[in-house]
Amino acid sequence: MLHILLVGLVAGFLARLISPGPNNPTGFILTMVLGVVGAFLATFVGQAVGHYSPDQGAGYVTATVGAVIVLFIWNRLVASGRIRDPGAR
């Protein structure tokens, strides 16, 4: 469990550095959630295409790629007005 949170924190932080923008979720918890969701996305896609076996998970690089994809989706949803930006007042 600690490994998932550590990978999530690192992947979320790197994704926010790679993809800066006004609609980034801010804060320690949202950064970790972004990275964990990205890691789960990368693991799911990697297992679906046969890159990972069922007992393997995503590493730092693929979790970061997954987090960048999740961040891109987040930015599109905020830009379209489907979800509210929690950082906007």
N, C-alpha and C. Protein backbone atom coordinates (compact mmCIF):
# COMPACT_ATOMS: atom_id res chain seq x y z
N MET A 1 0.82 -1.19 0.00
CA MET A 1 0.00 0.00 0.00
C MET A 1 0.87 1.26 0.00
N LEU A 2 1.92 1.25 0.78
CA LEU A 2 2.81 2.39 0.83
C LEU A 2 3.50 2.62 -0.51
N HIS A 3 3.82 1.52 -1.21
CA HIS A 3 4.46 1.64 -2.52
C HIS A 3 3.52 2.33 -3.52
N ILE A 4 2.23 2.00 -3.48
CA ILE A 4 1.26 2.63 -4.38
C ILE A 4 1.18 4.12 -4.10
N LEU A 5 1.16 4.50 -2.84
CA LEU A 5 1.08 5.92 -2.49
C LEU A 5 2.36 6.66 -2.88
N LEU A 6 3.50 6.02 -2.71
CA LEU A 6 4.77 6.64 -3.08
C LEU A 6 4.86 6.83 -4.60
N VAL A 7 4.51 5.79 -5.34
CA VAL A 7 4.50 5.90 -6.81
C VAL A 7 3.49 6.96 -7.24
N GLY A 8 2.33 6.98 -6.59
CA GLY A 8 1.31 7.98 -6.91
C GLY A 8 1.77 9.39 -6.65
N LEU A 9 2.43 9.60 -5.53
CA LEU A 9 2.91 10.94 -5.20
C LEU A 9 3.96 11.41 -6.20
N VAL A 10 4.91 10.55 -6.50
CA VAL A 10 5.97 10.91 -7.46
C VAL A 10 5.38 11.13 -8.85
N ALA A 11 4.50 10.22 -9.29
CA ALA A 11 3.91 10.34 -10.63
C ALA A 11 3.03 11.58 -10.73
N GLY A 12 2.26 11.88 -9.70
CA GLY A 12 1.42 13.08 -9.72
C GLY A 12 2.24 14.35 -9.75
N PHE A 13 3.31 14.38 -8.96
CA PHE A 13 4.18 15.55 -8.94
C PHE A 13 4.84 15.75 -10.30
N LEU A 14 5.35 14.67 -10.89
CA LEU A 14 6.00 14.79 -12.20
C LEU A 14 5.00 15.18 -13.28
N ALA A 15 3.79 14.65 -13.21
CA ALA A 15 2.76 15.00 -14.20
C ALA A 15 2.41 16.48 -14.11
N ARG A 16 2.35 17.01 -12.91
CA ARG A 16 2.05 18.44 -12.76
C ARG A 16 3.20 19.30 -13.27
N LEU A 17 4.45 18.80 -13.17
CA LEU A 17 5.58 19.55 -13.72
C LEU A 17 5.59 19.49 -15.24
N ILE A 18 5.25 18.32 -15.80
CA ILE A 18 5.26 18.13 -17.24
C ILE A 18 4.14 18.92 -17.90
N SER A 19 2.99 18.94 -17.29
CA SER A 19 1.81 19.56 -17.89
C SER A 19 1.30 20.70 -17.02
N PRO A 20 2.01 21.83 -17.01
CA PRO A 20 1.54 22.94 -16.20
C PRO A 20 0.31 23.59 -16.84
N GLY A 21 -0.49 24.18 -16.04
CA GLY A 21 -1.67 24.86 -16.56
C GLY A 21 -2.50 25.43 -15.43
N PRO A 22 -3.46 26.26 -15.78
CA PRO A 22 -4.27 26.90 -14.73
C PRO A 22 -5.26 25.96 -14.07
N ASN A 23 -5.59 24.84 -14.68
CA ASN A 23 -6.61 23.94 -14.15
C ASN A 23 -6.03 22.72 -13.45
N ASN A 24 -4.78 22.79 -13.03
CA ASN A 24 -4.18 21.64 -12.34
C ASN A 24 -4.77 21.50 -10.94
N PRO A 25 -5.09 20.28 -10.53
CA PRO A 25 -5.51 20.09 -9.15
C PRO A 25 -4.33 20.36 -8.22
N THR A 26 -4.54 21.17 -7.22
CA THR A 26 -3.44 21.54 -6.35
C THR A 26 -3.58 20.87 -4.99
N GLY A 27 -2.51 20.82 -4.28
CA GLY A 27 -2.51 20.24 -2.95
C GLY A 27 -1.89 18.86 -2.94
N PHE A 28 -1.43 18.49 -1.77
CA PHE A 28 -0.74 17.23 -1.57
C PHE A 28 -1.66 16.03 -1.86
N ILE A 29 -2.86 16.05 -1.34
CA ILE A 29 -3.78 14.92 -1.49
C ILE A 29 -4.21 14.77 -2.94
N LEU A 30 -4.59 15.87 -3.60
CA LEU A 30 -5.01 15.78 -5.00
C LEU A 30 -3.87 15.37 -5.92
N THR A 31 -2.66 15.78 -5.60
CA THR A 31 -1.50 15.35 -6.38
C THR A 31 -1.31 13.84 -6.25
N MET A 32 -1.46 13.33 -5.03
CA MET A 32 -1.32 11.89 -4.81
C MET A 32 -2.44 11.12 -5.50
N VAL A 33 -3.66 11.63 -5.41
CA VAL A 33 -4.79 10.97 -6.07
C VAL A 33 -4.58 10.96 -7.57
N LEU A 34 -4.12 12.07 -8.13
CA LEU A 34 -3.82 12.14 -9.56
C LEU A 34 -2.82 11.06 -9.97
N GLY A 35 -1.76 10.93 -9.21
CA GLY A 35 -0.74 9.93 -9.51
C GLY A 35 -1.23 8.51 -9.33
N VAL A 36 -2.01 8.24 -8.28
CA VAL A 36 -2.53 6.89 -8.05
C VAL A 36 -3.50 6.50 -9.15
N VAL A 37 -4.38 7.41 -9.54
CA VAL A 37 -5.31 7.13 -10.64
C VAL A 37 -4.53 6.90 -11.93
N GLY A 38 -3.49 7.69 -12.16
CA GLY A 38 -2.63 7.48 -13.34
C GLY A 38 -1.93 6.14 -13.30
N ALA A 39 -1.48 5.73 -12.13
CA ALA A 39 -0.82 4.42 -11.99
C ALA A 39 -1.81 3.29 -12.25
N PHE A 40 -3.03 3.42 -11.73
CA PHE A 40 -4.05 2.39 -12.00
C PHE A 40 -4.40 2.35 -13.50
N LEU A 41 -4.51 3.52 -14.13
CA LEU A 41 -4.79 3.56 -15.56
C LEU A 41 -3.66 2.90 -16.35
N ALA A 42 -2.42 3.21 -16.01
CA ALA A 42 -1.28 2.63 -16.70
C ALA A 42 -1.20 1.12 -16.47
N THR A 43 -1.51 0.68 -15.26
CA THR A 43 -1.50 -0.76 -14.96
C THR A 43 -2.58 -1.47 -15.75
N PHE A 44 -3.79 -0.89 -15.77
CA PHE A 44 -4.90 -1.51 -16.50
C PHE A 44 -4.60 -1.62 -17.99
N VAL A 45 -4.13 -0.54 -18.58
CA VAL A 45 -3.82 -0.56 -20.01
C VAL A 45 -2.64 -1.48 -20.29
N GLY A 46 -1.62 -1.44 -19.44
CA GLY A 46 -0.46 -2.31 -19.63
C GLY A 46 -0.80 -3.78 -19.54
N GLN A 47 -1.68 -4.15 -18.61
CA GLN A 47 -2.11 -5.55 -18.51
C GLN A 47 -3.02 -5.93 -19.67
N ALA A 48 -3.83 -4.99 -20.16
CA ALA A 48 -4.73 -5.28 -21.27
C ALA A 48 -3.97 -5.56 -22.56
N VAL A 49 -2.87 -4.86 -22.78
CA VAL A 49 -2.10 -5.07 -24.01
C VAL A 49 -0.99 -6.11 -23.83
N GLY A 50 -0.86 -6.66 -22.62
CA GLY A 50 0.11 -7.72 -22.39
C GLY A 50 1.49 -7.26 -22.00
N HIS A 51 1.63 -5.98 -21.65
CA HIS A 51 2.93 -5.46 -21.25
C HIS A 51 3.28 -5.90 -19.83
N TYR A 52 2.26 -6.00 -18.97
CA TYR A 52 2.44 -6.43 -17.59
C TYR A 52 1.70 -7.74 -17.37
N SER A 53 2.25 -8.59 -16.51
CA SER A 53 1.53 -9.79 -16.10
C SER A 53 0.49 -9.38 -15.05
N PRO A 54 -0.48 -10.26 -14.75
CA PRO A 54 -1.53 -9.89 -13.80
C PRO A 54 -1.05 -9.51 -12.41
N ASP A 55 0.14 -9.94 -12.02
CA ASP A 55 0.63 -9.61 -10.68
C ASP A 55 1.58 -8.41 -10.68
N GLN A 56 1.76 -7.76 -11.82
CA GLN A 56 2.65 -6.60 -11.90
C GLN A 56 1.85 -5.31 -11.96
N GLY A 57 2.48 -4.25 -11.52
CA GLY A 57 1.87 -2.93 -11.60
C GLY A 57 2.77 -1.99 -12.39
N ALA A 58 2.27 -0.80 -12.61
CA ALA A 58 3.02 0.19 -13.37
C ALA A 58 4.19 0.71 -12.55
N GLY A 59 5.25 1.06 -13.24
CA GLY A 59 6.40 1.68 -12.60
C GLY A 59 6.26 3.19 -12.61
N TYR A 60 7.32 3.86 -12.23
CA TYR A 60 7.28 5.32 -12.12
C TYR A 60 7.03 5.99 -13.47
N VAL A 61 7.68 5.51 -14.52
CA VAL A 61 7.57 6.16 -15.83
C VAL A 61 6.17 5.99 -16.39
N THR A 62 5.66 4.78 -16.41
CA THR A 62 4.33 4.56 -16.98
C THR A 62 3.24 5.16 -16.08
N ALA A 63 3.45 5.19 -14.78
CA ALA A 63 2.49 5.84 -13.89
C ALA A 63 2.45 7.34 -14.16
N THR A 64 3.61 7.92 -14.45
CA THR A 64 3.66 9.34 -14.78
C THR A 64 2.95 9.61 -16.10
N VAL A 65 3.13 8.74 -17.09
CA VAL A 65 2.41 8.89 -18.36
C VAL A 65 0.91 8.78 -18.12
N GLY A 66 0.50 7.82 -17.31
CA GLY A 66 -0.92 7.68 -16.97
C GLY A 66 -1.45 8.91 -16.26
N ALA A 67 -0.65 9.49 -15.36
CA ALA A 67 -1.07 10.69 -14.64
C ALA A 67 -1.18 11.90 -15.58
N VAL A 68 -0.30 11.98 -16.56
CA VAL A 68 -0.39 13.06 -17.55
C VAL A 68 -1.68 12.92 -18.35
N ILE A 69 -2.05 11.70 -18.70
CA ILE A 69 -3.30 11.46 -19.43
C ILE A 69 -4.50 11.85 -18.56
N VAL A 70 -4.47 11.46 -17.29
CA VAL A 70 -5.56 11.82 -16.37
C VAL A 70 -5.62 13.33 -16.21
N LEU A 71 -4.48 14.00 -16.11
CA LEU A 71 -4.44 15.45 -15.99
C LEU A 71 -4.97 16.12 -17.25
N PHE A 72 -4.68 15.58 -18.40
CA PHE A 72 -5.21 16.11 -19.66
C PHE A 72 -6.74 16.00 -19.68
N ILE A 73 -7.26 14.84 -19.26
CA ILE A 73 -8.71 14.66 -19.20
C ILE A 73 -9.32 15.64 -18.20
N TRP A 74 -8.68 15.82 -17.04
CA TRP A 74 -9.15 16.78 -16.03
C TRP A 74 -9.23 18.18 -16.64
N ASN A 75 -8.17 18.59 -17.35
CA ASN A 75 -8.15 19.93 -17.94
C ASN A 75 -9.25 20.10 -18.97
N ARG A 76 -9.52 19.08 -19.76
CA ARG A 76 -10.58 19.16 -20.77
C ARG A 76 -11.95 19.25 -20.11
N LEU A 77 -12.16 18.51 -19.04
CA LEU A 77 -13.45 18.56 -18.35
C LEU A 77 -13.68 19.91 -17.68
N VAL A 78 -12.64 20.49 -17.11
CA VAL A 78 -12.78 21.82 -16.50
C VAL A 78 -12.99 22.87 -17.58
N ALA A 79 -12.25 22.77 -18.67
CA ALA A 79 -12.37 23.75 -19.75
C ALA A 79 -13.76 23.72 -20.39
N SER A 80 -14.35 22.53 -20.48
CA SER A 80 -15.67 22.44 -21.08
C SER A 80 -16.78 22.80 -20.10
N GLY A 81 -16.46 22.94 -18.83
CA GLY A 81 -17.45 23.31 -17.83
C GLY A 81 -18.20 22.13 -17.25
N ARG A 82 -17.80 20.91 -17.57
CA ARG A 82 -18.50 19.73 -17.04
C ARG A 82 -18.24 19.53 -15.55
N ILE A 83 -17.05 19.92 -15.11
CA ILE A 83 -16.76 19.89 -13.67
C ILE A 83 -16.23 21.26 -13.27
N ARG A 84 -16.37 21.58 -12.00
CA ARG A 84 -15.94 22.87 -11.48
C ARG A 84 -14.49 22.77 -11.04
N ASP A 85 -13.74 23.81 -11.30
CA ASP A 85 -12.34 23.86 -10.88
C ASP A 85 -12.30 24.18 -9.38
N PRO A 86 -11.80 23.25 -8.54
CA PRO A 86 -11.80 23.53 -7.10
C PRO A 86 -10.85 24.65 -6.71
N GLY A 87 -9.91 25.02 -7.57
CA GLY A 87 -8.98 26.10 -7.26
C GLY A 87 -9.53 27.47 -7.59
N ALA A 88 -10.59 27.52 -8.40
CA ALA A 88 -11.18 28.80 -8.79
C ALA A 88 -12.10 29.30 -7.69
N ARG A 89 -12.14 30.58 -7.50
CA ARG A 89 -12.99 31.14 -6.44
C ARG A 89 -14.07 31.97 -7.05
